Amino acid sequence: MLVTGYDDRQGCGYVLRTGPHAAEPVPGTQPVRHLGVVVLATPELAAALRDALVRNPVAQLGWGGPTVPLTFDDNTLLAWLRHTLGGVLTVAGGPSADPRRRR
């Protein structure tokens, strides 16, 4: 999955790469590792992910929805980006609908 976005709180753009998109190092990104999974992120997003893993390792699945452990599967990362960082997202190669979310 390849996500580009804009973090309203920090006032900066970011890029996140997972799965096949993270297979090769990309200039301007840093690897972030968690539970054996590596993602590539721009420096500000990498710092936010590392901080979240230490200080508040959960992701909210929807507005006012339940929280789940912050893992690096695509659905959880997208939920974390949408509901924790906020801002605008563009997603390429994203996952199908998250079965944990109620419709």
PDB file of N, CA and C in Angstrom:
ATOM      1  N   MET A   1       0.856  -1.168   0.000  1.00  0.00           N
ATOM      2  CA  MET A   1       0.000   0.000   0.000  1.00  0.00           C
ATOM      3  C   MET A   1       0.907   1.237   0.000  1.00  0.00           C
ATOM      4  N   LEU A   2       0.475   2.243  -0.696  1.00  0.00           N
ATOM      5  CA  LEU A   2       1.188   3.513  -0.752  1.00  0.00           C
ATOM      6  C   LEU A   2       0.203   4.607  -0.357  1.00  0.00           C
ATOM      7  N   VAL A   3       0.510   5.296   0.753  1.00  0.00           N
ATOM      8  CA  VAL A   3      -0.371   6.348   1.257  1.00  0.00           C
ATOM      9  C   VAL A   3       0.386   7.661   1.222  1.00  0.00           C
ATOM     10  N   THR A   4      -0.243   8.667   0.669  1.00  0.00           N
ATOM     11  CA  THR A   4       0.285  10.024   0.778  1.00  0.00           C
ATOM     12  C   THR A   4      -0.760  10.835   1.524  1.00  0.00           C
ATOM     13  N   GLY A   5      -0.302  11.764   2.322  1.00  0.00           N
ATOM     14  CA  GLY A   5      -1.244  12.538   3.112  1.00  0.00           C
ATOM     15  C   GLY A   5      -0.644  13.831   3.593  1.00  0.00           C
ATOM     16  N   TYR A   6      -1.445  14.546   4.344  1.00  0.00           N
ATOM     17  CA  TYR A   6      -1.029  15.807   4.918  1.00  0.00           C
ATOM     18  C   TYR A   6      -1.475  15.823   6.372  1.00  0.00           C
ATOM     19  N   ASP A   7      -0.528  15.982   7.281  1.00  0.00           N
ATOM     20  CA  ASP A   7      -0.792  16.015   8.714  1.00  0.00           C
ATOM     21  C   ASP A   7      -1.143  17.442   9.110  1.00  0.00           C
ATOM     22  N   ASP A   8      -2.404  17.671   9.418  1.00  0.00           N
ATOM     23  CA  ASP A   8      -2.859  19.015   9.784  1.00  0.00           C
ATOM     24  C   ASP A   8      -2.165  19.534  11.036  1.00  0.00           C
ATOM     25  N   ARG A   9      -1.890  18.643  11.984  1.00  0.00           N
ATOM     26  CA  ARG A   9      -1.300  19.078  13.257  1.00  0.00           C
ATOM     27  C   ARG A   9       0.130  19.554  13.080  1.00  0.00           C
ATOM     28  N   GLN A  10       0.904  18.841  12.274  1.00  0.00           N
ATOM     29  CA  GLN A  10       2.310  19.183  12.071  1.00  0.00           C
ATOM     30  C   GLN A  10       2.516  20.110  10.882  1.00  0.00           C
ATOM     31  N   GLY A  11       1.509  20.197  10.029  1.00  0.00           N
ATOM     32  CA  GLY A  11       1.630  21.064   8.858  1.00  0.00           C
ATOM     33  C   GLY A  11       2.624  20.549   7.834  1.00  0.00           C
ATOM     34  N   CYS A  12       2.640  19.208   7.648  1.00  0.00           N
ATOM     35  CA  CYS A  12       3.580  18.651   6.677  1.00  0.00           C
ATOM     36  C   CYS A  12       2.951  17.463   5.949  1.00  0.00           C
ATOM     37  N   GLY A  13       3.434  17.252   4.748  1.00  0.00           N
ATOM     38  CA  GLY A  13       3.014  16.096   3.981  1.00  0.00           C
ATOM     39  C   GLY A  13       3.763  14.863   4.439  1.00  0.00           C
ATOM     40  N   TYR A  14       3.208  13.702   4.127  1.00  0.00           N
ATOM     41  CA  TYR A  14       3.887  12.459   4.482  1.00  0.00           C
ATOM     42  C   TYR A  14       3.599  11.380   3.457  1.00  0.00           C
ATOM     43  N   VAL A  15       4.437  10.347   3.486  1.00  0.00           N
ATOM     44  CA  VAL A  15       4.275   9.170   2.643  1.00  0.00           C
ATOM     45  C   VAL A  15       4.510   7.951   3.521  1.00  0.00           C
ATOM     46  N   LEU A  16       3.653   6.945   3.347  1.00  0.00           N
ATOM     47  CA  LEU A  16       3.793   5.667   4.050  1.00  0.00           C
ATOM     48  C   LEU A  16       3.757   4.564   3.013  1.00  0.00           C
ATOM     49  N   ARG A  17       4.697   3.637   3.103  1.00  0.00           N
ATOM     50  CA  ARG A  17       4.757   2.501   2.184  1.00  0.00           C
ATOM     51  C   ARG A  17       4.729   1.221   2.995  1.00  0.00           C
ATOM     52  N   THR A  18       3.864   0.275   2.575  1.00  0.00           N
ATOM     53  CA  THR A  18       3.790  -1.018   3.240  1.00  0.00           C
ATOM     54  C   THR A  18       3.850  -2.124   2.194  1.00  0.00           C
ATOM     55  N   GLY A  19       4.003  -3.342   2.664  1.00  0.00           N
ATOM     56  CA  GLY A  19       3.976  -4.495   1.770  1.00  0.00           C
ATOM     57  C   GLY A  19       4.966  -4.359   0.635  1.00  0.00           C
ATOM     58  N   PRO A  20       4.538  -4.694  -0.591  1.00  0.00           N
ATOM     59  CA  PRO A  20       5.438  -4.623  -1.743  1.00  0.00           C
ATOM     60  C   PRO A  20       6.004  -3.222  -1.984  1.00  0.00           C
ATOM     61  N   HIS A  21       5.250  -2.192  -1.613  1.00  0.00           N
ATOM     62  CA  HIS A  21       5.735  -0.819  -1.796  1.00  0.00           C
ATOM     63  C   HIS A  21       6.892  -0.489  -0.850  1.00  0.00           C
ATOM     64  N   ALA A  22       7.071  -1.302   0.188  1.00  0.00           N
ATOM     65  CA  ALA A  22       8.153  -1.072   1.154  1.00  0.00           C
ATOM     66  C   ALA A  22       9.309  -2.041   0.948  1.00  0.00           C
ATOM     67  N   ALA A  23       9.274  -2.808  -0.133  1.00  0.00           N
ATOM     68  CA  ALA A  23      10.298  -3.824  -0.360  1.00  0.00           C
ATOM     69  C   ALA A  23      11.680  -3.236  -0.606  1.00  0.00           C
ATOM     70  N   GLU A  24      11.735  -2.105  -1.246  1.00  0.00           N
ATOM     71  CA  GLU A  24      13.003  -1.461  -1.565  1.00  0.00           C
ATOM     72  C   GLU A  24      13.112  -0.131  -0.838  1.00  0.00           C
ATOM     73  N   PRO A  25      14.295   0.214  -0.318  1.00  0.00           N
ATOM     74  CA  PRO A  25      14.476   1.523   0.313  1.00  0.00           C
ATOM     75  C   PRO A  25      14.173   2.645  -0.684  1.00  0.00           C
ATOM     76  N   VAL A  26      13.567   3.689  -0.198  1.00  0.00           N
ATOM     77  CA  VAL A  26      13.226   4.840  -1.029  1.00  0.00           C
ATOM     78  C   VAL A  26      13.869   6.067  -0.399  1.00  0.00           C
ATOM     79  N   PRO A  27      14.584   6.877  -1.191  1.00  0.00           N
ATOM     80  CA  PRO A  27      15.187   8.079  -0.626  1.00  0.00           C
ATOM     81  C   PRO A  27      14.132   8.942   0.082  1.00  0.00           C
ATOM     82  N   GLY A  28      14.501   9.474   1.235  1.00  0.00           N
ATOM     83  CA  GLY A  28      13.602  10.337   1.982  1.00  0.00           C
ATOM     84  C   GLY A  28      12.666   9.610   2.917  1.00  0.00           C
ATOM     85  N   THR A  29      12.811   8.275   3.013  1.00  0.00           N
ATOM     86  CA  THR A  29      11.976   7.519   3.948  1.00  0.00           C
ATOM     87  C   THR A  29      12.855   6.821   4.978  1.00  0.00           C
ATOM     88  N   GLN A  30      12.223   6.469   6.093  1.00  0.00           N
ATOM     89  CA  GLN A  30      12.908   5.738   7.161  1.00  0.00           C
ATOM     90  C   GLN A  30      12.110   4.475   7.463  1.00  0.00           C
ATOM     91  N   PRO A  31      12.810   3.367   7.739  1.00  0.00           N
ATOM     92  CA  PRO A  31      12.079   2.162   8.118  1.00  0.00           C
ATOM     93  C   PRO A  31      11.589   2.262   9.567  1.00  0.00           C
ATOM     94  N   VAL A  32      10.389   1.761   9.804  1.00  0.00           N
ATOM     95  CA  VAL A  32       9.846   1.645  11.158  1.00  0.00           C
ATOM     96  C   VAL A  32       9.452   0.188  11.308  1.00  0.00           C
ATOM     97  N   ARG A  33       9.946  -0.454  12.351  1.00  0.00           N
ATOM     98  CA  ARG A  33       9.705  -1.878  12.571  1.00  0.00           C
ATOM     99  C   ARG A  33       8.821  -2.086  13.794  1.00  0.00           C
ATOM    100  N   HIS A  34       7.880  -3.036  13.658  1.00  0.00           N
ATOM    101  CA  HIS A  34       7.016  -3.384  14.788  1.00  0.00           C
ATOM    102  C   HIS A  34       6.501  -4.804  14.576  1.00  0.00           C
ATOM    103  N   LEU A  35       6.754  -5.660  15.554  1.00  0.00           N
ATOM    104  CA  LEU A  35       6.291  -7.048  15.523  1.00  0.00           C
ATOM    105  C   LEU A  35       6.682  -7.760  14.221  1.00  0.00           C
ATOM    106  N   GLY A  36       7.892  -7.512  13.764  1.00  0.00           N
ATOM    107  CA  GLY A  36       8.410  -8.185  12.583  1.00  0.00           C
ATOM    108  C   GLY A  36       7.983  -7.594  11.248  1.00  0.00           C
ATOM    109  N   VAL A  37       7.226  -6.513  11.267  1.00  0.00           N
ATOM    110  CA  VAL A  37       6.772  -5.871  10.025  1.00  0.00           C
ATOM    111  C   VAL A  37       7.492  -4.542   9.884  1.00  0.00           C
ATOM    112  N   VAL A  38       7.944  -4.269   8.666  1.00  0.00           N
ATOM    113  CA  VAL A  38       8.648  -3.018   8.375  1.00  0.00           C
ATOM    114  C   VAL A  38       7.800  -2.189   7.420  1.00  0.00           C
ATOM    115  N   VAL A  39       7.640  -0.910   7.757  1.00  0.00           N
ATOM    116  CA  VAL A  39       7.017   0.045   6.848  1.00  0.00           C
ATOM    117  C   VAL A  39       8.031   1.152   6.607  1.00  0.00           C
ATOM    118  N   LEU A  40       7.879   1.848   5.508  1.00  0.00           N
ATOM    119  CA  LEU A  40       8.725   3.002   5.205  1.00  0.00           C
ATOM    120  C   LEU A  40       7.877   4.261   5.325  1.00  0.00           C
ATOM    121  N   ALA A  41       8.418   5.261   5.967  1.00  0.00           N
ATOM    122  CA  ALA A  41       7.671   6.498   6.167  1.00  0.00           C
ATOM    123  C   ALA A  41       8.609   7.690   6.075  1.00  0.00           C
ATOM    124  N   THR A  42       8.058   8.818   5.703  1.00  0.00           N
ATOM    125  CA  THR A  42       8.830  10.054   5.725  1.00  0.00           C
ATOM    126  C   THR A  42       9.207  10.343   7.173  1.00  0.00           C
ATOM    127  N   PRO A  43      10.270  11.114   7.404  1.00  0.00           N
ATOM    128  CA  PRO A  43      10.809  11.284   8.764  1.00  0.00           C
ATOM    129  C   PRO A  43       9.791  11.718   9.819  1.00  0.00           C
ATOM    130  N   GLU A  44       8.931  12.687   9.508  1.00  0.00           N
ATOM    131  CA  GLU A  44       7.961  13.148  10.510  1.00  0.00           C
ATOM    132  C   GLU A  44       6.947  12.062  10.849  1.00  0.00           C
ATOM    133  N   LEU A  45       6.492  11.345   9.843  1.00  0.00           N
ATOM    134  CA  LEU A  45       5.535  10.270  10.096  1.00  0.00           C
ATOM    135  C   LEU A  45       6.201   9.113  10.818  1.00  0.00           C
ATOM    136  N   ALA A  46       7.440   8.804  10.471  1.00  0.00           N
ATOM    137  CA  ALA A  46       8.169   7.746  11.161  1.00  0.00           C
ATOM    138  C   ALA A  46       8.292   8.081  12.650  1.00  0.00           C
ATOM    139  N   ALA A  47       8.599   9.335  12.958  1.00  0.00           N
ATOM    140  CA  ALA A  47       8.695   9.756  14.361  1.00  0.00           C
ATOM    141  C   ALA A  47       7.349   9.632  15.064  1.00  0.00           C
ATOM    142  N   ALA A  48       6.259  10.015  14.391  1.00  0.00           N
ATOM    143  CA  ALA A  48       4.923   9.912  14.986  1.00  0.00           C
ATOM    144  C   ALA A  48       4.545   8.462  15.236  1.00  0.00           C
ATOM    145  N   LEU A  49       4.884   7.571  14.309  1.00  0.00           N
ATOM    146  CA  LEU A  49       4.606   6.145  14.499  1.00  0.00           C
ATOM    147  C   LEU A  49       5.384   5.577  15.677  1.00  0.00           C
ATOM    148  N   ARG A  50       6.680   5.898  15.727  1.00  0.00           N
ATOM    149  CA  ARG A  50       7.501   5.397  16.839  1.00  0.00           C
ATOM    150  C   ARG A  50       6.973   5.911  18.182  1.00  0.00           C
ATOM    151  N   ASP A  51       6.594   7.166  18.228  1.00  0.00           N
ATOM    152  CA  ASP A  51       6.048   7.742  19.453  1.00  0.00           C
ATOM    153  C   ASP A  51       4.732   7.054  19.840  1.00  0.00           C
ATOM    154  N   ALA A  52       3.870   6.828  18.869  1.00  0.00           N
ATOM    155  CA  ALA A  52       2.601   6.164  19.145  1.00  0.00           C
ATOM    156  C   ALA A  52       2.825   4.754  19.669  1.00  0.00           C
ATOM    157  N   LEU A  53       3.795   4.045  19.120  1.00  0.00           N
ATOM    158  CA  LEU A  53       4.065   2.680  19.580  1.00  0.00           C
ATOM    159  C   LEU A  53       4.516   2.647  21.032  1.00  0.00           C
ATOM    160  N   VAL A  54       5.168   3.705  21.487  1.00  0.00           N
ATOM    161  CA  VAL A  54       5.642   3.779  22.862  1.00  0.00           C
ATOM    162  C   VAL A  54       4.573   4.354  23.789  1.00  0.00           C
ATOM    163  N   ARG A  55       3.914   5.421  23.378  1.00  0.00           N
ATOM    164  CA  ARG A  55       3.032   6.173  24.274  1.00  0.00           C
ATOM    165  C   ARG A  55       1.553   5.794  24.214  1.00  0.00           C
ATOM    166  N   ASN A  56       1.066   5.448  23.043  1.00  0.00           N
ATOM    167  CA  ASN A  56      -0.358   5.148  22.904  1.00  0.00           C
ATOM    168  C   ASN A  56      -0.554   4.189  21.728  1.00  0.00           C
ATOM    169  N   PRO A  57      -0.200   2.927  21.902  1.00  0.00           N
ATOM    170  CA  PRO A  57      -0.187   1.982  20.779  1.00  0.00           C
ATOM    171  C   PRO A  57      -1.566   1.424  20.416  1.00  0.00           C
ATOM    172  N   VAL A  58      -2.502   2.323  20.131  1.00  0.00           N
ATOM    173  CA  VAL A  58      -3.832   1.898  19.698  1.00  0.00           C
ATOM    174  C   VAL A  58      -4.258   2.714  18.483  1.00  0.00           C
ATOM    175  N   ALA A  59      -5.212   2.175  17.760  1.00  0.00           N
ATOM    176  CA  ALA A  59      -5.813   2.873  16.625  1.00  0.00           C
ATOM    177  C   ALA A  59      -7.321   2.796  16.784  1.00  0.00           C
ATOM    178  N   GLN A  60      -7.983   3.879  16.467  1.00  0.00           N
ATOM    179  CA  GLN A  60      -9.439   3.927  16.491  1.00  0.00           C
ATOM    180  C   GLN A  60      -9.929   3.521  15.110  1.00  0.00           C
ATOM    181  N   LEU A  61     -10.853   2.558  15.046  1.00  0.00           N
ATOM    182  CA  LEU A  61     -11.306   2.050  13.748  1.00  0.00           C
ATOM    183  C   LEU A  61     -12.271   2.994  13.043  1.00  0.00           C
ATOM    184  N   GLY A  62     -12.933   3.844  13.775  1.00  0.00           N
ATOM    185  CA  GLY A  62     -13.878   4.785  13.185  1.00  0.00           C
ATOM    186  C   GLY A  62     -14.078   5.933  14.139  1.00  0.00           C
ATOM    187  N   TRP A  63     -14.788   6.945  13.694  1.00  0.00           N
ATOM    188  CA  TRP A  63     -15.059   8.085  14.559  1.00  0.00           C
ATOM    189  C   TRP A  63     -15.907   7.599  15.720  1.00  0.00           C
ATOM    190  N   GLY A  64     -15.361   7.624  16.916  1.00  0.00           N
ATOM    191  CA  GLY A  64     -16.082   7.165  18.095  1.00  0.00           C
ATOM    192  C   GLY A  64     -16.149   5.655  18.197  1.00  0.00           C
ATOM    193  N   GLY A  65     -15.443   4.960  17.327  1.00  0.00           N
ATOM    194  CA  GLY A  65     -15.491   3.501  17.329  1.00  0.00           C
ATOM    195  C   GLY A  65     -14.511   2.907  18.319  1.00  0.00           C
ATOM    196  N   PRO A  66     -14.428   1.600  18.338  1.00  0.00           N
ATOM    197  CA  PRO A  66     -13.530   0.931  19.273  1.00  0.00           C
ATOM    198  C   PRO A  66     -12.066   1.151  18.907  1.00  0.00           C
ATOM    199  N   THR A  67     -11.201   0.971  19.884  1.00  0.00           N
ATOM    200  CA  THR A  67      -9.769   1.010  19.606  1.00  0.00           C
ATOM    201  C   THR A  67      -9.248  -0.416  19.538  1.00  0.00           C
ATOM    202  N   VAL A  68      -8.198  -0.593  18.764  1.00  0.00           N
ATOM    203  CA  VAL A  68      -7.525  -1.884  18.612  1.00  0.00           C
ATOM    204  C   VAL A  68      -6.030  -1.636  18.781  1.00  0.00           C
ATOM    205  N   PRO A  69      -5.258  -2.662  19.078  1.00  0.00           N
ATOM    206  CA  PRO A  69      -3.813  -2.477  19.162  1.00  0.00           C
ATOM    207  C   PRO A  69      -3.255  -1.942  17.834  1.00  0.00           C
ATOM    208  N   LEU A  70      -2.302  -1.020  17.937  1.00  0.00           N
ATOM    209  CA  LEU A  70      -1.659  -0.468  16.746  1.00  0.00           C
ATOM    210  C   LEU A  70      -0.689  -1.497  16.197  1.00  0.00           C
ATOM    211  N   THR A  71      -1.073  -2.086  15.085  1.00  0.00           N
ATOM    212  CA  THR A  71      -0.212  -3.021  14.377  1.00  0.00           C
ATOM    213  C   THR A  71       0.040  -2.444  12.996  1.00  0.00           C
ATOM    214  N   PHE A  72       0.923  -3.071  12.250  1.00  0.00           N
ATOM    215  CA  PHE A  72       1.281  -2.547  10.941  1.00  0.00           C
ATOM    216  C   PHE A  72       0.565  -3.256   9.798  1.00  0.00           C
ATOM    217  N   ASP A  73      -0.627  -3.827  10.071  1.00  0.00           N
ATOM    218  CA  ASP A  73      -1.420  -4.317   8.946  1.00  0.00           C
ATOM    219  C   ASP A  73      -2.067  -3.091   8.293  1.00  0.00           C
ATOM    220  N   ASP A  74      -2.384  -3.202   7.023  1.00  0.00           N
ATOM    221  CA  ASP A  74      -2.839  -2.032   6.260  1.00  0.00           C
ATOM    222  C   ASP A  74      -4.113  -1.412   6.830  1.00  0.00           C
ATOM    223  N   ASN A  75      -5.089  -2.229   7.211  1.00  0.00           N
ATOM    224  CA  ASN A  75      -6.337  -1.666   7.739  1.00  0.00           C
ATOM    225  C   ASN A  75      -6.101  -0.856   9.008  1.00  0.00           C
ATOM    226  N   THR A  76      -5.285  -1.376   9.915  1.00  0.00           N
ATOM    227  CA  THR A  76      -5.038  -0.673  11.176  1.00  0.00           C
ATOM    228  C   THR A  76      -4.239   0.596  10.945  1.00  0.00           C
ATOM    229  N   LEU A  77      -3.231   0.540  10.090  1.00  0.00           N
ATOM    230  CA  LEU A  77      -2.459   1.753   9.781  1.00  0.00           C
ATOM    231  C   LEU A  77      -3.329   2.828   9.147  1.00  0.00           C
ATOM    232  N   LEU A  78      -4.209   2.447   8.226  1.00  0.00           N
ATOM    233  CA  LEU A  78      -5.095   3.438   7.620  1.00  0.00           C
ATOM    234  C   LEU A  78      -6.022   4.052   8.659  1.00  0.00           C
ATOM    235  N   ALA A  79      -6.550   3.240   9.556  1.00  0.00           N
ATOM    236  CA  ALA A  79      -7.418   3.763  10.614  1.00  0.00           C
ATOM    237  C   ALA A  79      -6.644   4.732  11.496  1.00  0.00           C
ATOM    238  N   TRP A  80      -5.409   4.386  11.848  1.00  0.00           N
ATOM    239  CA  TRP A  80      -4.577   5.261  12.679  1.00  0.00           C
ATOM    240  C   TRP A  80      -4.317   6.587  11.971  1.00  0.00           C
ATOM    241  N   LEU A  81      -3.991   6.527  10.686  1.00  0.00           N
ATOM    242  CA  LEU A  81      -3.739   7.750   9.920  1.00  0.00           C
ATOM    243  C   LEU A  81      -4.999   8.615   9.849  1.00  0.00           C
ATOM    244  N   ARG A  82      -6.139   8.006   9.564  1.00  0.00           N
ATOM    245  CA  ARG A  82      -7.387   8.756   9.404  1.00  0.00           C
ATOM    246  C   ARG A  82      -7.859   9.385  10.702  1.00  0.00           C
ATOM    247  N   HIS A  83      -7.812   8.617  11.782  1.00  0.00           N
ATOM    248  CA  HIS A  83      -8.472   9.052  13.007  1.00  0.00           C
ATOM    249  C   HIS A  83      -7.526   9.597  14.073  1.00  0.00           C
ATOM    250  N   THR A  84      -6.232   9.428  13.886  1.00  0.00           N
ATOM    251  CA  THR A  84      -5.273   9.987  14.833  1.00  0.00           C
ATOM    252  C   THR A  84      -4.555  11.183  14.219  1.00  0.00           C
ATOM    253  N   LEU A  85      -3.976  11.003  13.035  1.00  0.00           N
ATOM    254  CA  LEU A  85      -3.303  12.125  12.381  1.00  0.00           C
ATOM    255  C   LEU A  85      -4.293  13.044  11.689  1.00  0.00           C
ATOM    256  N   GLY A  86      -5.292  12.478  11.084  1.00  0.00           N
ATOM    257  CA  GLY A  86      -6.257  13.283  10.338  1.00  0.00           C
ATOM    258  C   GLY A  86      -5.654  13.766   9.038  1.00  0.00           C
ATOM    259  N   GLY A  87      -6.220  14.793   8.499  1.00  0.00           N
ATOM    260  CA  GLY A  87      -5.706  15.343   7.259  1.00  0.00           C
ATOM    261  C   GLY A  87      -6.275  14.635   6.046  1.00  0.00           C
ATOM    262  N   VAL A  88      -5.618  14.816   4.919  1.00  0.00           N
ATOM    263  CA  VAL A  88      -6.080  14.294   3.647  1.00  0.00           C
ATOM    264  C   VAL A  88      -5.230  13.092   3.271  1.00  0.00           C
ATOM    265  N   LEU A  89      -5.868  12.022   2.813  1.00  0.00           N
ATOM    266  CA  LEU A  89      -5.150  10.811   2.425  1.00  0.00           C
ATOM    267  C   LEU A  89      -5.447  10.444   0.979  1.00  0.00           C
ATOM    268  N   THR A  90      -4.421   9.933   0.314  1.00  0.00           N
ATOM    269  CA  THR A  90      -4.583   9.285  -0.979  1.00  0.00           C
ATOM    270  C   THR A  90      -3.966   7.906  -0.822  1.00  0.00           C
ATOM    271  N   VAL A  91      -4.714   6.865  -1.195  1.00  0.00           N
ATOM    272  CA  VAL A  91      -4.273   5.495  -0.970  1.00  0.00           C
ATOM    273  C   VAL A  91      -4.227   4.749  -2.298  1.00  0.00           C
ATOM    274  N   ALA A  92      -3.088   4.105  -2.579  1.00  0.00           N
ATOM    275  CA  ALA A  92      -2.952   3.236  -3.746  1.00  0.00           C
ATOM    276  C   ALA A  92      -2.650   1.826  -3.246  1.00  0.00           C
ATOM    277  N   GLY A  93      -3.337   0.857  -3.790  1.00  0.00           N
ATOM    278  CA  GLY A  93      -3.086  -0.530  -3.397  1.00  0.00           C
ATOM    279  C   GLY A  93      -3.546  -0.827  -1.989  1.00  0.00           C
ATOM    280  N   GLY A  94      -4.581  -0.125  -1.541  1.00  0.00           N
ATOM    281  CA  GLY A  94      -5.077  -0.295  -0.177  1.00  0.00           C
ATOM    282  C   GLY A  94      -5.863  -1.582   0.005  1.00  0.00           C
ATOM    283  N   PRO A  95      -6.162  -1.891   1.252  1.00  0.00           N
ATOM    284  CA  PRO A  95      -6.874  -3.125   1.560  1.00  0.00           C
ATOM    285  C   PRO A  95      -8.368  -3.001   1.264  1.00  0.00           C
ATOM    286  N   SER A  96      -9.031  -4.149   1.268  1.00  0.00           N
ATOM    287  CA  SER A  96     -10.485  -4.133   1.145  1.00  0.00           C
ATOM    288  C   SER A  96     -11.073  -3.669   2.472  1.00  0.00           C
ATOM    289  N   ALA A  97     -12.366  -3.600   2.550  1.00  0.00           N
ATOM    290  CA  ALA A  97     -13.039  -3.107   3.767  1.00  0.00           C
ATOM    291  C   ALA A  97     -12.594  -3.898   4.988  1.00  0.00           C
ATOM    292  N   ASP A  98     -12.419  -3.197   6.084  1.00  0.00           N
ATOM    293  CA  ASP A  98     -11.973  -3.799   7.338  1.00  0.00           C
ATOM    294  C   ASP A  98     -13.141  -4.555   7.965  1.00  0.00           C
ATOM    295  N   PRO A  99     -13.014  -5.873   8.152  1.00  0.00           N
ATOM    296  CA  PRO A  99     -14.120  -6.643   8.721  1.00  0.00           C
ATOM    297  C   PRO A  99     -14.400  -6.308  10.187  1.00  0.00           C
ATOM    298  N   ARG A 100     -13.498  -5.605  10.857  1.00  0.00           N
ATOM    299  CA  ARG A 100     -13.707  -5.248  12.262  1.00  0.00           C
ATOM    300  C   ARG A 100     -14.632  -4.056  12.423  1.00  0.00           C
ATOM    301  N   ARG A 101     -14.843  -3.326  11.357  1.00  0.00           N
ATOM    302  CA  ARG A 101     -15.700  -2.121  11.433  1.00  0.00           C
ATOM    303  C   ARG A 101     -17.138  -2.483  11.144  1.00  0.00           C
ATOM    304  N   ARG A 102     -18.020  -1.933  11.929  1.00  0.00           N
ATOM    305  CA  ARG A 102     -19.445  -2.092  11.672  1.00  0.00           C
ATOM    306  C   ARG A 102     -19.844  -1.160  10.548  1.00  0.00           C
ATOM    307  N   ARG A 103     -20.813  -1.554   9.796  1.00  0.00           N
ATOM    308  CA  ARG A 103     -21.261  -0.718   8.683  1.00  0.00           C
ATOM    309  C   ARG A 103     -22.501   0.001   9.011  1.00  0.00           C
TER     310      ARG A 103
END
